[in-house]
Amino acid sequence: MNQKVRSIMRSIVLAAVVFAGVGGGPTFARDHDDARRAVEAGEIRPLADILNVVKGKLPGDVVGVKLEREAGAWTYEFRVLDGKGSLFEIHVDAKSGEVERTKEK
């Protein structure tokens, strides 16, 4: 993937922190206002900060992101595409930036 495409994808990911709410299971942030309120309350770190913390730990390029709350804890869920075309789902603690789990899709 060339540098221009990567740059565009990163811009899209950073701009697209709008999420759909769902019932049952994890609660997803409904929109960017939910995410902003959580940042302002100190419950989570901004997405840009988290990306800086985990960029060296990801096996490829971020192609999607969700912010969800499970059992009272906020988690960023990244979809990452590696150079071989494999897709990974990586869960990162939204406050500490620690990678919690990685699963190949």
N, C-alpha and C. Protein backbone atom coordinates (compact mmCIF):
# COMPACT_ATOMS: atom_id res chain seq x y z
N MET A 1 0.86 -1.16 0.00
CA MET A 1 0.00 0.00 0.00
C MET A 1 0.91 1.23 0.00
N ASN A 2 0.65 2.17 -0.93
CA ASN A 2 1.55 3.31 -1.01
C ASN A 2 1.28 4.33 0.10
N GLN A 3 2.23 5.24 0.28
CA GLN A 3 2.17 6.21 1.38
C GLN A 3 0.95 7.11 1.29
N LYS A 4 0.55 7.51 0.08
CA LYS A 4 -0.61 8.39 -0.08
C LYS A 4 -1.89 7.70 0.40
N VAL A 5 -2.06 6.43 0.03
CA VAL A 5 -3.24 5.68 0.45
C VAL A 5 -3.23 5.53 1.97
N ARG A 6 -2.07 5.22 2.57
CA ARG A 6 -1.97 5.10 4.02
C ARG A 6 -2.35 6.41 4.70
N SER A 7 -1.87 7.51 4.16
CA SER A 7 -2.17 8.82 4.73
C SER A 7 -3.66 9.11 4.68
N ILE A 8 -4.29 8.80 3.55
CA ILE A 8 -5.73 9.01 3.40
C ILE A 8 -6.49 8.13 4.38
N MET A 9 -6.07 6.86 4.52
CA MET A 9 -6.75 5.94 5.43
C MET A 9 -6.63 6.43 6.87
N ARG A 10 -5.44 6.91 7.25
CA ARG A 10 -5.27 7.41 8.61
C ARG A 10 -6.18 8.62 8.86
N SER A 11 -6.28 9.50 7.87
CA SER A 11 -7.14 10.67 8.01
C SER A 11 -8.60 10.25 8.17
N ILE A 12 -9.02 9.26 7.40
CA ILE A 12 -10.39 8.77 7.51
C ILE A 12 -10.64 8.18 8.89
N VAL A 13 -9.70 7.38 9.36
CA VAL A 13 -9.87 6.76 10.68
C VAL A 13 -9.95 7.82 11.76
N LEU A 14 -9.07 8.81 11.70
CA LEU A 14 -9.07 9.84 12.73
C LEU A 14 -10.33 10.69 12.67
N ALA A 15 -10.89 10.86 11.49
CA ALA A 15 -12.09 11.69 11.35
C ALA A 15 -13.37 10.91 11.62
N ALA A 16 -13.31 9.59 11.58
CA ALA A 16 -14.52 8.78 11.64
C ALA A 16 -14.76 8.15 13.00
N VAL A 17 -14.80 8.93 14.03
CA VAL A 17 -15.07 8.41 15.35
C VAL A 17 -16.55 8.59 15.65
N VAL A 18 -17.38 8.16 14.70
CA VAL A 18 -18.82 8.19 14.86
C VAL A 18 -19.29 6.74 14.87
N PHE A 19 -19.99 6.37 15.90
CA PHE A 19 -20.32 4.97 16.09
C PHE A 19 -21.81 4.76 16.25
N ALA A 20 -22.27 3.56 15.94
CA ALA A 20 -23.69 3.21 16.08
C ALA A 20 -23.92 2.52 17.41
N GLY A 21 -25.01 2.84 18.07
CA GLY A 21 -25.37 2.20 19.34
C GLY A 21 -25.99 0.85 19.07
N VAL A 22 -25.76 -0.11 19.96
CA VAL A 22 -26.35 -1.43 19.83
C VAL A 22 -26.86 -1.88 21.18
N GLY A 23 -27.79 -2.80 21.18
CA GLY A 23 -28.31 -3.33 22.43
C GLY A 23 -27.63 -4.64 22.78
N GLY A 24 -27.52 -4.95 24.06
CA GLY A 24 -26.88 -6.19 24.49
C GLY A 24 -25.39 -6.15 24.24
N GLY A 25 -24.64 -6.91 24.97
CA GLY A 25 -23.20 -6.96 24.77
C GLY A 25 -22.57 -5.60 25.04
N PRO A 26 -21.49 -5.30 24.32
CA PRO A 26 -20.81 -4.03 24.55
C PRO A 26 -21.68 -2.86 24.11
N THR A 27 -21.45 -1.71 24.73
CA THR A 27 -22.13 -0.49 24.34
C THR A 27 -21.17 0.33 23.50
N PHE A 28 -21.59 0.70 22.31
CA PHE A 28 -20.75 1.49 21.43
C PHE A 28 -21.09 2.96 21.61
N ALA A 29 -20.08 3.82 21.53
CA ALA A 29 -20.32 5.25 21.57
C ALA A 29 -21.26 5.59 20.42
N ARG A 30 -22.30 6.35 20.70
CA ARG A 30 -23.30 6.66 19.68
C ARG A 30 -22.79 7.66 18.65
N ASP A 31 -21.94 8.56 19.05
CA ASP A 31 -21.43 9.57 18.12
C ASP A 31 -20.17 10.19 18.69
N HIS A 32 -19.63 11.16 17.97
CA HIS A 32 -18.39 11.77 18.41
C HIS A 32 -18.57 12.55 19.72
N ASP A 33 -19.80 12.99 20.02
CA ASP A 33 -20.04 13.69 21.28
C ASP A 33 -19.82 12.77 22.48
N ASP A 34 -20.24 11.51 22.36
CA ASP A 34 -19.99 10.54 23.44
C ASP A 34 -18.49 10.37 23.66
N ALA A 35 -17.75 10.25 22.57
CA ALA A 35 -16.30 10.09 22.68
C ALA A 35 -15.67 11.34 23.29
N ARG A 36 -16.11 12.52 22.85
CA ARG A 36 -15.56 13.77 23.38
C ARG A 36 -15.84 13.89 24.88
N ARG A 37 -17.07 13.56 25.29
CA ARG A 37 -17.41 13.63 26.72
C ARG A 37 -16.53 12.68 27.54
N ALA A 38 -16.30 11.50 27.01
CA ALA A 38 -15.46 10.53 27.73
C ALA A 38 -14.03 11.04 27.85
N VAL A 39 -13.52 11.69 26.80
CA VAL A 39 -12.17 12.28 26.85
C VAL A 39 -12.14 13.41 27.88
N GLU A 40 -13.13 14.30 27.82
CA GLU A 40 -13.18 15.43 28.74
C GLU A 40 -13.31 14.99 30.20
N ALA A 41 -14.00 13.89 30.43
CA ALA A 41 -14.17 13.36 31.79
C ALA A 41 -12.94 12.58 32.26
N GLY A 42 -11.97 12.39 31.38
CA GLY A 42 -10.77 11.64 31.74
C GLY A 42 -10.97 10.13 31.74
N GLU A 43 -12.09 9.67 31.17
CA GLU A 43 -12.36 8.23 31.12
C GLU A 43 -11.54 7.54 30.05
N ILE A 44 -11.22 8.26 28.98
CA ILE A 44 -10.43 7.70 27.88
C ILE A 44 -9.42 8.73 27.39
N ARG A 45 -8.46 8.26 26.62
CA ARG A 45 -7.51 9.16 25.95
C ARG A 45 -8.01 9.38 24.53
N PRO A 46 -7.67 10.52 23.95
CA PRO A 46 -8.08 10.77 22.56
C PRO A 46 -7.53 9.70 21.63
N LEU A 47 -8.27 9.44 20.57
CA LEU A 47 -7.87 8.43 19.59
C LEU A 47 -6.46 8.68 19.06
N ALA A 48 -6.14 9.92 18.75
CA ALA A 48 -4.81 10.24 18.21
C ALA A 48 -3.71 9.84 19.19
N ASP A 49 -3.93 10.06 20.49
CA ASP A 49 -2.94 9.65 21.50
C ASP A 49 -2.78 8.14 21.53
N ILE A 50 -3.90 7.43 21.51
CA ILE A 50 -3.86 5.97 21.53
C ILE A 50 -3.14 5.43 20.30
N LEU A 51 -3.42 6.01 19.13
CA LEU A 51 -2.75 5.56 17.91
C LEU A 51 -1.24 5.76 18.01
N ASN A 52 -0.80 6.86 18.61
CA ASN A 52 0.63 7.08 18.80
C ASN A 52 1.25 6.05 19.72
N VAL A 53 0.50 5.62 20.74
CA VAL A 53 1.00 4.63 21.70
C VAL A 53 1.12 3.25 21.05
N VAL A 54 0.12 2.86 20.24
CA VAL A 54 0.08 1.48 19.75
C VAL A 54 0.61 1.30 18.33
N LYS A 55 0.97 2.37 17.63
CA LYS A 55 1.32 2.22 16.22
C LYS A 55 2.43 1.20 15.96
N GLY A 56 3.39 1.10 16.83
CA GLY A 56 4.45 0.13 16.65
C GLY A 56 4.06 -1.29 17.04
N LYS A 57 2.92 -1.43 17.69
CA LYS A 57 2.47 -2.74 18.16
C LYS A 57 1.44 -3.37 17.21
N LEU A 58 1.01 -2.62 16.21
CA LEU A 58 -0.01 -3.12 15.28
C LEU A 58 0.66 -3.81 14.10
N PRO A 59 0.08 -4.91 13.61
CA PRO A 59 0.70 -5.68 12.54
C PRO A 59 0.47 -5.11 11.14
N GLY A 60 -0.09 -3.91 11.03
CA GLY A 60 -0.36 -3.34 9.71
C GLY A 60 -1.02 -1.99 9.83
N ASP A 61 -1.89 -1.69 8.86
CA ASP A 61 -2.55 -0.39 8.78
C ASP A 61 -3.96 -0.44 9.36
N VAL A 62 -4.31 0.58 10.13
CA VAL A 62 -5.65 0.68 10.71
C VAL A 62 -6.62 1.03 9.59
N VAL A 63 -7.67 0.21 9.44
CA VAL A 63 -8.69 0.44 8.41
C VAL A 63 -10.06 0.70 9.02
N GLY A 64 -10.18 0.58 10.35
CA GLY A 64 -11.44 0.85 11.02
C GLY A 64 -11.23 0.94 12.51
N VAL A 65 -12.14 1.63 13.18
CA VAL A 65 -12.04 1.77 14.63
C VAL A 65 -13.43 1.98 15.21
N LYS A 66 -13.64 1.39 16.40
CA LYS A 66 -14.87 1.58 17.17
C LYS A 66 -14.45 1.91 18.60
N LEU A 67 -15.29 2.63 19.28
CA LEU A 67 -15.10 2.86 20.70
C LEU A 67 -16.26 2.17 21.40
N GLU A 68 -15.95 1.26 22.32
CA GLU A 68 -17.01 0.52 23.00
C GLU A 68 -16.74 0.46 24.49
N ARG A 69 -17.81 0.22 25.22
CA ARG A 69 -17.72 0.10 26.67
C ARG A 69 -18.21 -1.28 27.07
N GLU A 70 -17.33 -2.06 27.69
CA GLU A 70 -17.67 -3.40 28.16
C GLU A 70 -17.37 -3.48 29.65
N ALA A 71 -18.36 -3.90 30.41
CA ALA A 71 -18.20 -4.06 31.87
C ALA A 71 -17.63 -2.79 32.50
N GLY A 72 -18.08 -1.63 32.01
CA GLY A 72 -17.67 -0.35 32.57
C GLY A 72 -16.34 0.19 32.07
N ALA A 73 -15.62 -0.57 31.25
CA ALA A 73 -14.32 -0.13 30.74
C ALA A 73 -14.42 0.21 29.25
N TRP A 74 -13.85 1.35 28.88
CA TRP A 74 -13.84 1.77 27.48
C TRP A 74 -12.70 1.07 26.74
N THR A 75 -12.99 0.65 25.51
CA THR A 75 -12.01 -0.03 24.66
C THR A 75 -12.10 0.50 23.24
N TYR A 76 -10.93 0.77 22.66
CA TYR A 76 -10.88 1.05 21.22
C TYR A 76 -10.71 -0.30 20.53
N GLU A 77 -11.54 -0.56 19.55
CA GLU A 77 -11.43 -1.78 18.76
C GLU A 77 -10.94 -1.37 17.37
N PHE A 78 -9.71 -1.78 17.04
CA PHE A 78 -9.12 -1.45 15.75
C PHE A 78 -9.24 -2.62 14.80
N ARG A 79 -9.55 -2.34 13.55
CA ARG A 79 -9.45 -3.32 12.47
C ARG A 79 -8.15 -2.97 11.75
N VAL A 80 -7.27 -3.95 11.63
CA VAL A 80 -5.94 -3.72 11.07
C VAL A 80 -5.70 -4.71 9.94
N LEU A 81 -5.25 -4.20 8.82
CA LEU A 81 -4.94 -5.01 7.64
C LEU A 81 -3.43 -5.09 7.50
N ASP A 82 -2.90 -6.33 7.49
CA ASP A 82 -1.44 -6.46 7.34
C ASP A 82 -1.05 -6.51 5.87
N GLY A 83 0.23 -6.55 5.61
CA GLY A 83 0.76 -6.53 4.24
C GLY A 83 0.40 -7.75 3.41
N LYS A 84 -0.04 -8.82 4.05
CA LYS A 84 -0.42 -10.04 3.35
C LYS A 84 -1.93 -10.12 3.10
N GLY A 85 -2.67 -9.10 3.56
CA GLY A 85 -4.11 -9.09 3.36
C GLY A 85 -4.91 -9.70 4.49
N SER A 86 -4.25 -10.06 5.58
CA SER A 86 -4.96 -10.60 6.75
C SER A 86 -5.55 -9.46 7.56
N LEU A 87 -6.77 -9.68 8.07
CA LEU A 87 -7.47 -8.68 8.86
C LEU A 87 -7.42 -9.09 10.33
N PHE A 88 -7.08 -8.15 11.19
CA PHE A 88 -7.00 -8.39 12.62
C PHE A 88 -7.95 -7.45 13.35
N GLU A 89 -8.49 -7.93 14.46
CA GLU A 89 -9.29 -7.12 15.37
C GLU A 89 -8.46 -6.98 16.64
N ILE A 90 -8.11 -5.75 16.99
CA ILE A 90 -7.23 -5.51 18.12
C ILE A 90 -7.95 -4.60 19.12
N HIS A 91 -8.08 -5.08 20.35
CA HIS A 91 -8.76 -4.34 21.41
C HIS A 91 -7.70 -3.67 22.28
N VAL A 92 -7.88 -2.35 22.48
CA VAL A 92 -6.92 -1.56 23.24
C VAL A 92 -7.65 -0.81 24.34
N ASP A 93 -7.14 -0.88 25.57
CA ASP A 93 -7.72 -0.13 26.67
C ASP A 93 -7.67 1.35 26.32
N ALA A 94 -8.84 2.01 26.34
CA ALA A 94 -8.95 3.40 25.88
C ALA A 94 -8.36 4.41 26.85
N LYS A 95 -8.02 3.98 28.04
CA LYS A 95 -7.41 4.88 29.01
C LYS A 95 -5.89 4.70 29.07
N SER A 96 -5.45 3.44 29.10
CA SER A 96 -4.01 3.19 29.26
C SER A 96 -3.27 3.03 27.94
N GLY A 97 -3.98 2.60 26.90
CA GLY A 97 -3.33 2.33 25.62
C GLY A 97 -2.74 0.94 25.53
N GLU A 98 -3.00 0.11 26.54
CA GLU A 98 -2.48 -1.25 26.54
C GLU A 98 -3.31 -2.13 25.60
N VAL A 99 -2.60 -2.94 24.78
CA VAL A 99 -3.29 -3.89 23.91
C VAL A 99 -3.82 -5.01 24.79
N GLU A 100 -5.13 -5.24 24.73
CA GLU A 100 -5.75 -6.26 25.59
C GLU A 100 -5.84 -7.61 24.89
N ARG A 101 -6.20 -7.60 23.61
CA ARG A 101 -6.27 -8.87 22.87
C ARG A 101 -6.25 -8.58 21.38
N THR A 102 -5.79 -9.60 20.65
CA THR A 102 -5.70 -9.52 19.20
C THR A 102 -6.29 -10.80 18.63
N LYS A 103 -7.09 -10.63 17.59
CA LYS A 103 -7.73 -11.80 16.98
C LYS A 103 -7.69 -11.63 15.46
N GLU A 104 -7.24 -12.66 14.78
CA GLU A 104 -7.28 -12.62 13.32
C GLU A 104 -8.71 -12.95 12.86
N LYS A 105 -9.22 -12.19 11.94
CA LYS A 105 -10.58 -12.37 11.44
C LYS A 105 -10.58 -13.25 10.21
